[in-house]
PDB file of all heavy atoms in Angstrom:
ATOM      1  N   PHE A   1       0.887  -1.200   0.047  1.00  0.00           N
ATOM      2  CA  PHE A   1      -0.001  -0.045   0.019  1.00  0.00           C
ATOM      3  C   PHE A   1       0.864   1.232  -0.026  1.00  0.00           C
ATOM      4  O   PHE A   1       1.960   1.240   0.520  1.00  0.00           O
ATOM      5  CB  PHE A   1      -0.934  -0.012   1.177  1.00  0.00           C
ATOM      6  CG  PHE A   1      -2.159  -0.944   1.052  1.00  0.00           C
ATOM      7  CD1 PHE A   1      -2.008  -2.285   0.927  1.00  0.00           C
ATOM      8  CD2 PHE A   1      -3.408  -0.402   0.923  1.00  0.00           C
ATOM      9  CE1 PHE A   1      -3.072  -3.070   0.694  1.00  0.00           C
ATOM     10  CE2 PHE A   1      -4.499  -1.225   0.702  1.00  0.00           C
ATOM     11  CZ  PHE A   1      -4.339  -2.592   0.609  1.00  0.00           C
ATOM     12  N   PRO A   2       0.343   2.327  -0.624  1.00  0.00           N
ATOM     13  CA  PRO A   2       1.197   3.536  -0.774  1.00  0.00           C
ATOM     14  C   PRO A   2       1.526   4.169   0.571  1.00  0.00           C
ATOM     15  O   PRO A   2       0.706   4.287   1.425  1.00  0.00           O
ATOM     16  CB  PRO A   2       0.286   4.461  -1.590  1.00  0.00           C
ATOM     17  CG  PRO A   2      -1.091   3.949  -1.406  1.00  0.00           C
ATOM     18  CD  PRO A   2      -0.984   2.469  -1.216  1.00  0.00           C
ATOM     19  N   THR A   3       2.783   4.607   0.681  1.00  0.00           N
ATOM     20  CA  THR A   3       3.242   5.242   1.917  1.00  0.00           C
ATOM     21  C   THR A   3       3.193   6.781   1.773  1.00  0.00           C
ATOM     22  O   THR A   3       3.252   7.507   2.774  1.00  0.00           O
ATOM     23  CB  THR A   3       4.622   4.831   2.243  1.00  0.00           C
ATOM     24  OG1 THR A   3       5.517   5.084   1.154  1.00  0.00           O
ATOM     25  CG2 THR A   3       4.678   3.363   2.597  1.00  0.00           C
ATOM     26  N   ASP A   4       3.114   7.227   0.516  1.00  0.00           N
ATOM     27  CA  ASP A   4       3.009   8.721   0.343  1.00  0.00           C
ATOM     28  C   ASP A   4       1.589   9.232   0.674  1.00  0.00           C
ATOM     29  O   ASP A   4       1.420  10.351   1.007  1.00  0.00           O
ATOM     30  CB  ASP A   4       3.400   9.061  -1.113  1.00  0.00           C
ATOM     31  CG  ASP A   4       2.619   8.374  -2.162  1.00  0.00           C
ATOM     32  OD1 ASP A   4       1.999   7.348  -1.866  1.00  0.00           O
ATOM     33  OD2 ASP A   4       2.635   8.792  -3.341  1.00  0.00           O
ATOM     34  N   HIS A   5       0.604   8.310   0.541  1.00  0.00           N
ATOM     35  CA  HIS A   5      -0.736   8.591   0.938  1.00  0.00           C
ATOM     36  C   HIS A   5      -1.297   7.437   1.745  1.00  0.00           C
ATOM     37  O   HIS A   5      -2.086   6.636   1.228  1.00  0.00           O
ATOM     38  CB  HIS A   5      -1.646   8.848  -0.286  1.00  0.00           C
ATOM     39  CG  HIS A   5      -1.270  10.055  -1.055  1.00  0.00           C
ATOM     40  ND1 HIS A   5      -1.503  11.350  -0.624  1.00  0.00           N
ATOM     41  CD2 HIS A   5      -0.655  10.231  -2.258  1.00  0.00           C
ATOM     42  CE1 HIS A   5      -1.083  12.209  -1.496  1.00  0.00           C
ATOM     43  NE2 HIS A   5      -0.538  11.554  -2.562  1.00  0.00           N
ATOM     44  N   PRO A   6      -0.841   7.303   3.001  1.00  0.00           N
ATOM     45  CA  PRO A   6      -1.267   6.140   3.799  1.00  0.00           C
ATOM     46  C   PRO A   6      -2.724   6.127   4.087  1.00  0.00           C
ATOM     47  O   PRO A   6      -3.356   7.203   4.223  1.00  0.00           O
ATOM     48  CB  PRO A   6      -0.413   6.295   5.106  1.00  0.00           C
ATOM     49  CG  PRO A   6      -0.086   7.770   5.157  1.00  0.00           C
ATOM     50  CD  PRO A   6       0.055   8.220   3.736  1.00  0.00           C
ATOM     51  N   LEU A   7      -3.300   4.902   4.181  1.00  0.00           N
ATOM     52  CA  LEU A   7      -4.694   4.772   4.450  1.00  0.00           C
ATOM     53  C   LEU A   7      -4.935   4.278   5.885  1.00  0.00           C
ATOM     54  O   LEU A   7      -4.359   3.275   6.274  1.00  0.00           O
ATOM     55  CB  LEU A   7      -5.349   3.741   3.467  1.00  0.00           C
ATOM     56  CG  LEU A   7      -5.161   4.156   1.974  1.00  0.00           C
ATOM     57  CD1 LEU A   7      -5.622   2.959   1.126  1.00  0.00           C
ATOM     58  CD2 LEU A   7      -6.026   5.399   1.666  1.00  0.00           C
ATOM     59  N   ALA A   8      -5.690   5.071   6.617  1.00  0.00           N
ATOM     60  CA  ALA A   8      -5.832   4.740   8.062  1.00  0.00           C
ATOM     61  C   ALA A   8      -6.670   3.492   8.217  1.00  0.00           C
ATOM     62  O   ALA A   8      -6.536   2.781   9.255  1.00  0.00           O
ATOM     63  CB  ALA A   8      -6.541   5.952   8.791  1.00  0.00           C
ATOM     64  N   SER A   9      -7.606   3.247   7.299  1.00  0.00           N
ATOM     65  CA  SER A   9      -8.516   2.067   7.485  1.00  0.00           C
ATOM     66  C   SER A   9      -8.347   1.113   6.255  1.00  0.00           C
ATOM     67  O   SER A   9      -8.599   1.550   5.118  1.00  0.00           O
ATOM     68  CB  SER A   9      -9.959   2.540   7.595  1.00  0.00           C
ATOM     69  OG  SER A   9     -10.861   1.370   7.611  1.00  0.00           O
ATOM     70  N   VAL A  10      -7.918  -0.080   6.539  1.00  0.00           N
ATOM     71  CA  VAL A  10      -7.733  -1.084   5.475  1.00  0.00           C
ATOM     72  C   VAL A  10      -8.271  -2.379   6.082  1.00  0.00           C
ATOM     73  O   VAL A  10      -7.667  -2.975   7.066  1.00  0.00           O
ATOM     74  CB  VAL A  10      -6.265  -1.292   5.020  1.00  0.00           C
ATOM     75  CG1 VAL A  10      -6.137  -2.418   4.066  1.00  0.00           C
ATOM     76  CG2 VAL A  10      -5.727   0.025   4.467  1.00  0.00           C
ATOM     77  N   MET A  11      -9.366  -2.942   5.498  1.00  0.00           N
ATOM     78  CA  MET A  11      -9.989  -4.122   6.034  1.00  0.00           C
ATOM     79  C   MET A  11     -10.291  -5.126   4.895  1.00  0.00           C
ATOM     80  O   MET A  11     -11.163  -4.900   4.093  1.00  0.00           O
ATOM     81  CB  MET A  11     -11.289  -3.819   6.804  1.00  0.00           C
ATOM     82  CG  MET A  11     -11.044  -2.998   8.051  1.00  0.00           C
ATOM     83  SD  MET A  11     -12.616  -2.660   8.921  1.00  0.00           S
ATOM     84  CE  MET A  11     -13.482  -1.566   7.770  1.00  0.00           C
ATOM     85  N   PRO A  12      -9.464  -6.171   4.799  1.00  0.00           N
ATOM     86  CA  PRO A  12      -9.715  -7.220   3.760  1.00  0.00           C
ATOM     87  C   PRO A  12     -10.955  -7.983   4.053  1.00  0.00           C
ATOM     88  O   PRO A  12     -11.336  -8.247   5.184  1.00  0.00           O
ATOM     89  CB  PRO A  12      -8.499  -8.082   3.781  1.00  0.00           C
ATOM     90  CG  PRO A  12      -7.471  -7.343   4.676  1.00  0.00           C
ATOM     91  CD  PRO A  12      -8.281  -6.491   5.585  1.00  0.00           C
ATOM     92  N   GLN A  13     -11.698  -8.344   2.983  1.00  0.00           N
ATOM     93  CA  GLN A  13     -12.839  -9.255   3.105  1.00  0.00           C
ATOM     94  C   GLN A  13     -12.325 -10.691   2.976  1.00  0.00           C
ATOM     95  O   GLN A  13     -11.480 -10.960   2.133  1.00  0.00           O
ATOM     96  CB  GLN A  13     -13.853  -8.998   1.979  1.00  0.00           C
ATOM     97  CG  GLN A  13     -15.014  -9.922   2.075  1.00  0.00           C
ATOM     98  CD  GLN A  13     -16.077  -9.558   0.964  1.00  0.00           C
ATOM     99  OE1 GLN A  13     -16.318  -8.363   0.700  1.00  0.00           O
ATOM    100  NE2 GLN A  13     -16.615 -10.555   0.252  1.00  0.00           N
ATOM    101  N   PRO A  14     -12.778 -11.604   3.890  1.00  0.00           N
ATOM    102  CA  PRO A  14     -12.328 -12.951   3.764  1.00  0.00           C
ATOM    103  C   PRO A  14     -12.633 -13.595   2.384  1.00  0.00           C
ATOM    104  O   PRO A  14     -13.685 -13.325   1.804  1.00  0.00           O
ATOM    105  CB  PRO A  14     -13.147 -13.665   4.869  1.00  0.00           C
ATOM    106  CG  PRO A  14     -13.509 -12.634   5.837  1.00  0.00           C
ATOM    107  CD  PRO A  14     -13.710 -11.362   5.041  1.00  0.00           C
ATOM    108  N   VAL A  15     -11.658 -14.409   1.916  1.00  0.00           N
ATOM    109  CA  VAL A  15     -11.808 -15.047   0.635  1.00  0.00           C
ATOM    110  C   VAL A  15     -11.644 -16.561   0.870  1.00  0.00           C
ATOM    111  O   VAL A  15     -10.620 -16.988   1.453  1.00  0.00           O
ATOM    112  CB  VAL A  15     -10.772 -14.562  -0.404  1.00  0.00           C
ATOM    113  CG1 VAL A  15     -10.897 -15.286  -1.685  1.00  0.00           C
ATOM    114  CG2 VAL A  15     -10.869 -13.069  -0.603  1.00  0.00           C
ATOM    115  N   ASP A  16     -12.587 -17.338   0.426  1.00  0.00           N
ATOM    116  CA  ASP A  16     -12.530 -18.763   0.673  1.00  0.00           C
ATOM    117  C   ASP A  16     -11.256 -19.410   0.028  1.00  0.00           C
ATOM    118  O   ASP A  16     -10.946 -19.081  -1.105  1.00  0.00           O
ATOM    119  CB  ASP A  16     -13.767 -19.461   0.086  1.00  0.00           C
ATOM    120  CG  ASP A  16     -15.051 -19.134   0.858  1.00  0.00           C
ATOM    121  OD1 ASP A  16     -14.967 -18.719   1.967  1.00  0.00           O
ATOM    122  OD2 ASP A  16     -16.129 -19.303   0.275  1.00  0.00           O
ATOM    123  N   GLY A  17     -10.609 -20.172   0.812  1.00  0.00           N
ATOM    124  CA  GLY A  17      -9.386 -20.894   0.277  1.00  0.00           C
ATOM    125  C   GLY A  17      -8.160 -20.070   0.429  1.00  0.00           C
ATOM    126  O   GLY A  17      -7.091 -20.493  -0.059  1.00  0.00           O
ATOM    127  N   TRP A  18      -8.210 -18.894   1.073  1.00  0.00           N
ATOM    128  CA  TRP A  18      -7.027 -18.039   1.234  1.00  0.00           C
ATOM    129  C   TRP A  18      -6.895 -17.547   2.645  1.00  0.00           C
ATOM    130  O   TRP A  18      -7.864 -17.093   3.234  1.00  0.00           O
ATOM    131  CB  TRP A  18      -7.129 -16.831   0.266  1.00  0.00           C
ATOM    132  CG  TRP A  18      -7.079 -17.221  -1.185  1.00  0.00           C
ATOM    133  CD1 TRP A  18      -8.124 -17.727  -1.959  1.00  0.00           C
ATOM    134  CD2 TRP A  18      -5.953 -17.212  -2.061  1.00  0.00           C
ATOM    135  NE1 TRP A  18      -7.724 -17.973  -3.244  1.00  0.00           N
ATOM    136  CE2 TRP A  18      -6.394 -17.645  -3.302  1.00  0.00           C
ATOM    137  CE3 TRP A  18      -4.602 -16.770  -1.869  1.00  0.00           C
ATOM    138  CZ2 TRP A  18      -5.509 -17.736  -4.415  1.00  0.00           C
ATOM    139  CZ3 TRP A  18      -3.765 -16.875  -2.948  1.00  0.00           C
ATOM    140  CH2 TRP A  18      -4.175 -17.325  -4.173  1.00  0.00           C
ATOM    141  N   ASP A  19      -5.667 -17.506   3.152  1.00  0.00           N
ATOM    142  CA  ASP A  19      -5.307 -16.892   4.434  1.00  0.00           C
ATOM    143  C   ASP A  19      -4.856 -15.477   4.146  1.00  0.00           C
ATOM    144  O   ASP A  19      -4.146 -15.272   3.138  1.00  0.00           O
ATOM    145  CB  ASP A  19      -4.216 -17.682   5.167  1.00  0.00           C
ATOM    146  CG  ASP A  19      -4.692 -19.036   5.576  1.00  0.00           C
ATOM    147  OD1 ASP A  19      -5.887 -19.177   5.913  1.00  0.00           O
ATOM    148  OD2 ASP A  19      -3.866 -20.024   5.528  1.00  0.00           O
ATOM    149  N   VAL A  20      -5.189 -14.539   4.998  1.00  0.00           N
ATOM    150  CA  VAL A  20      -4.786 -13.163   4.767  1.00  0.00           C
ATOM    151  C   VAL A  20      -4.004 -12.587   5.939  1.00  0.00           C
ATOM    152  O   VAL A  20      -4.381 -12.906   7.097  1.00  0.00           O
ATOM    153  CB  VAL A  20      -6.037 -12.269   4.502  1.00  0.00           C
ATOM    154  CG1 VAL A  20      -6.978 -12.293   5.664  1.00  0.00           C
ATOM    155  CG2 VAL A  20      -5.584 -10.841   4.130  1.00  0.00           C
ATOM    156  N   LYS A  21      -2.981 -11.865   5.682  1.00  0.00           N
ATOM    157  CA  LYS A  21      -2.165 -11.225   6.693  1.00  0.00           C
ATOM    158  C   LYS A  21      -2.082  -9.734   6.454  1.00  0.00           C
ATOM    159  O   LYS A  21      -1.692  -9.345   5.287  1.00  0.00           O
ATOM    160  CB  LYS A  21      -0.777 -11.922   6.748  1.00  0.00           C
ATOM    161  CG  LYS A  21       0.139 -11.241   7.798  1.00  0.00           C
ATOM    162  CD  LYS A  21       1.544 -11.836   7.708  1.00  0.00           C
ATOM    163  CE  LYS A  21       2.512 -11.194   8.700  1.00  0.00           C
ATOM    164  NZ  LYS A  21       3.903 -11.722   8.627  1.00  0.00           N
ATOM    165  N   VAL A  22      -2.304  -8.955   7.454  1.00  0.00           N
ATOM    166  CA  VAL A  22      -2.255  -7.492   7.240  1.00  0.00           C
ATOM    167  C   VAL A  22      -1.020  -6.999   8.045  1.00  0.00           C
ATOM    168  O   VAL A  22      -0.835  -7.265   9.234  1.00  0.00           O
ATOM    169  CB  VAL A  22      -3.471  -6.780   7.843  1.00  0.00           C
ATOM    170  CG1 VAL A  22      -3.365  -5.282   7.782  1.00  0.00           C
ATOM    171  CG2 VAL A  22      -4.744  -7.231   7.105  1.00  0.00           C
ATOM    172  N   THR A  23      -0.116  -6.256   7.361  1.00  0.00           N
ATOM    173  CA  THR A  23       1.113  -5.742   7.923  1.00  0.00           C
ATOM    174  C   THR A  23       0.962  -4.243   8.155  1.00  0.00           C
ATOM    175  O   THR A  23       0.645  -3.506   7.232  1.00  0.00           O
ATOM    176  CB  THR A  23       2.292  -6.057   7.073  1.00  0.00           C
ATOM    177  OG1 THR A  23       2.388  -7.443   6.868  1.00  0.00           O
ATOM    178  CG2 THR A  23       3.557  -5.510   7.688  1.00  0.00           C
ATOM    179  N   LYS A  24       1.234  -3.777   9.387  1.00  0.00           N
ATOM    180  CA  LYS A  24       1.179  -2.320   9.701  1.00  0.00           C
ATOM    181  C   LYS A  24       2.560  -1.814   9.992  1.00  0.00           C
ATOM    182  O   LYS A  24       3.467  -2.554  10.451  1.00  0.00           O
ATOM    183  CB  LYS A  24       0.248  -2.080  10.900  1.00  0.00           C
ATOM    184  CG  LYS A  24      -1.185  -2.336  10.621  1.00  0.00           C
ATOM    185  CD  LYS A  24      -2.073  -1.961  11.794  1.00  0.00           C
ATOM    186  CE  LYS A  24      -3.549  -2.133  11.530  1.00  0.00           C
ATOM    187  NZ  LYS A  24      -4.375  -1.732  12.675  1.00  0.00           N
ATOM    188  N   SER A  25       2.791  -0.540   9.704  1.00  0.00           N
ATOM    189  CA  SER A  25       4.069   0.095   9.964  1.00  0.00           C
ATOM    190  C   SER A  25       3.828   1.510  10.565  1.00  0.00           C
ATOM    191  O   SER A  25       2.773   2.097  10.381  1.00  0.00           O
ATOM    192  CB  SER A  25       4.867   0.235   8.659  1.00  0.00           C
ATOM    193  OG  SER A  25       5.102  -0.968   8.115  1.00  0.00           O
ATOM    194  N   LYS A  26       4.805   1.990  11.319  1.00  0.00           N
ATOM    195  CA  LYS A  26       4.717   3.330  11.951  1.00  0.00           C
ATOM    196  C   LYS A  26       4.801   4.372  10.832  1.00  0.00           C
ATOM    197  O   LYS A  26       5.519   4.234   9.848  1.00  0.00           O
ATOM    198  CB  LYS A  26       5.879   3.521  12.948  1.00  0.00           C
ATOM    199  CG  LYS A  26       5.711   2.686  14.168  1.00  0.00           C
ATOM    200  CD  LYS A  26       4.680   3.239  15.099  1.00  0.00           C
ATOM    201  CE  LYS A  26       4.613   2.480  16.411  1.00  0.00           C
ATOM    202  NZ  LYS A  26       3.573   3.077  17.358  1.00  0.00           N
ATOM    203  N   LEU A  27       4.022   5.449  11.015  1.00  0.00           N
ATOM    204  CA  LEU A  27       4.061   6.521  10.109  1.00  0.00           C
ATOM    205  C   LEU A  27       4.993   7.628  10.527  1.00  0.00           C
ATOM    206  O   LEU A  27       5.097   7.912  11.718  1.00  0.00           O
ATOM    207  CB  LEU A  27       2.614   7.100   9.979  1.00  0.00           C
ATOM    208  CG  LEU A  27       1.524   6.162   9.446  1.00  0.00           C
ATOM    209  CD1 LEU A  27       0.180   6.843   9.513  1.00  0.00           C
ATOM    210  CD2 LEU A  27       1.816   5.708   8.072  1.00  0.00           C
ATOM    211  N   ASP A  28       5.691   8.195   9.533  1.00  0.00           N
ATOM    212  CA  ASP A  28       6.542   9.318   9.831  1.00  0.00           C
ATOM    213  C   ASP A  28       5.740  10.526  10.272  1.00  0.00           C
ATOM    214  O   ASP A  28       6.121  11.289  11.181  1.00  0.00           O
ATOM    215  CB  ASP A  28       7.385   9.686   8.622  1.00  0.00           C
ATOM    216  CG  ASP A  28       8.386   8.637   8.207  1.00  0.00           C
ATOM    217  OD1 ASP A  28       8.709   7.831   9.131  1.00  0.00           O
ATOM    218  OD2 ASP A  28       8.702   8.500   7.023  1.00  0.00           O
ATOM    219  N   LYS A  29       4.537  10.642   9.679  1.00  0.00           N
ATOM    220  CA  LYS A  29       3.651  11.772  10.021  1.00  0.00           C
ATOM    221  C   LYS A  29       2.277  11.179  10.386  1.00  0.00           C
ATOM    222  O   LYS A  29       1.561  10.588   9.545  1.00  0.00           O
ATOM    223  CB  LYS A  29       3.496  12.723   8.855  1.00  0.00           C
ATOM    224  CG  LYS A  29       2.660  13.940   9.186  1.00  0.00           C
ATOM    225  CD  LYS A  29       2.569  14.879   7.934  1.00  0.00           C
ATOM    226  CE  LYS A  29       1.724  16.076   8.240  1.00  0.00           C
ATOM    227  NZ  LYS A  29       1.662  17.026   7.083  1.00  0.00           N
ATOM    228  N   PRO A  30       1.855  11.269  11.647  1.00  0.00           N
ATOM    229  CA  PRO A  30       0.537  10.697  12.103  1.00  0.00           C
ATOM    230  C   PRO A  30      -0.594  11.264  11.302  1.00  0.00           C
ATOM    231  O   PRO A  30      -0.586  12.396  10.866  1.00  0.00           O
ATOM    232  CB  PRO A  30       0.501  11.058  13.606  1.00  0.00           C
ATOM    233  CG  PRO A  30       1.896  11.350  13.987  1.00  0.00           C
ATOM    234  CD  PRO A  30       2.570  11.872  12.776  1.00  0.00           C
ATOM    235  N   LEU A  31      -1.636  10.419  11.166  1.00  0.00           N
ATOM    236  CA  LEU A  31      -2.850  10.841  10.484  1.00  0.00           C
ATOM    237  C   LEU A  31      -3.918  11.177  11.505  1.00  0.00           C
ATOM    238  O   LEU A  31      -3.891  10.672  12.662  1.00  0.00           O
ATOM    239  CB  LEU A  31      -3.406   9.713   9.579  1.00  0.00           C
ATOM    240  CG  LEU A  31      -2.508   9.263   8.442  1.00  0.00           C
ATOM    241  CD1 LEU A  31      -3.186   8.039   7.780  1.00  0.00           C
ATOM    242  CD2 LEU A  31      -2.310  10.342   7.433  1.00  0.00           C
ATOM    243  N   GLU A  32      -4.910  11.960  11.165  1.00  0.00           N
ATOM    244  CA  GLU A  32      -6.027  12.295  12.046  1.00  0.00           C
ATOM    245  C   GLU A  32      -7.316  11.787  11.393  1.00  0.00           C
ATOM    246  O   GLU A  32      -7.631  12.102  10.224  1.00  0.00           O
ATOM    247  CB  GLU A  32      -6.127  13.761  12.268  1.00  0.00           C
ATOM    248  CG  GLU A  32      -7.177  14.131  13.404  1.00  0.00           C
ATOM    249  CD  GLU A  32      -7.077  15.555  13.846  1.00  0.00           C
ATOM    250  OE1 GLU A  32      -5.922  16.010  13.986  1.00  0.00           O
ATOM    251  OE2 GLU A  32      -8.139  16.166  14.116  1.00  0.00           O
ATOM    252  N   MET A  33      -8.059  10.953  12.141  1.00  0.00           N
ATOM    253  CA  MET A  33      -9.240  10.261  11.572  1.00  0.00           C
ATOM    254  C   MET A  33     -10.339  10.265  12.640  1.00  0.00           C
ATOM    255  O   MET A  33     -10.141   9.701  13.729  1.00  0.00           O
ATOM    256  CB  MET A  33      -8.945   8.834  11.077  1.00  0.00           C
ATOM    257  CG  MET A  33     -10.078   8.136  10.440  1.00  0.00           C
ATOM    258  SD  MET A  33      -9.607   6.506   9.888  1.00  0.00           S
ATOM    259  CE  MET A  33     -11.194   5.837   9.336  1.00  0.00           C
ATOM    260  N   HIS A  34     -11.477  10.916  12.339  1.00  0.00           N
ATOM    261  CA  HIS A  34     -12.552  10.978  13.272  1.00  0.00           C
ATOM    262  C   HIS A  34     -12.174  11.567  14.646  1.00  0.00           C
ATOM    263  O   HIS A  34     -12.532  11.054  15.659  1.00  0.00           O
ATOM    264  CB  HIS A  34     -13.222   9.600  13.484  1.00  0.00           C
ATOM    265  CG  HIS A  34     -13.642   9.032  12.142  1.00  0.00           C
ATOM    266  ND1 HIS A  34     -14.551   9.638  11.285  1.00  0.00           N
ATOM    267  CD2 HIS A  34     -13.379   7.820  11.608  1.00  0.00           C
ATOM    268  CE1 HIS A  34     -14.770   8.838  10.271  1.00  0.00           C
ATOM    269  NE2 HIS A  34     -14.042   7.734  10.415  1.00  0.00           N
ATOM    270  N   GLY A  35     -11.279  12.563  14.567  1.00  0.00           N
ATOM    271  CA  GLY A  35     -10.819  13.232  15.797  1.00  0.00           C
ATOM    272  C   GLY A  35      -9.741  12.453  16.538  1.00  0.00           C
ATOM    273  O   GLY A  35      -9.327  12.878  17.610  1.00  0.00           O
TER     274      GLY A  35
END
């Protein structure tokens, strides 16, 4: 996922026959979302 425009909310939908792993990283500049 792009780091120049990070997305605060990323939620994969389960897919039959596939395992999913979400990797998060610290942001250089914090985002503000819903206060």
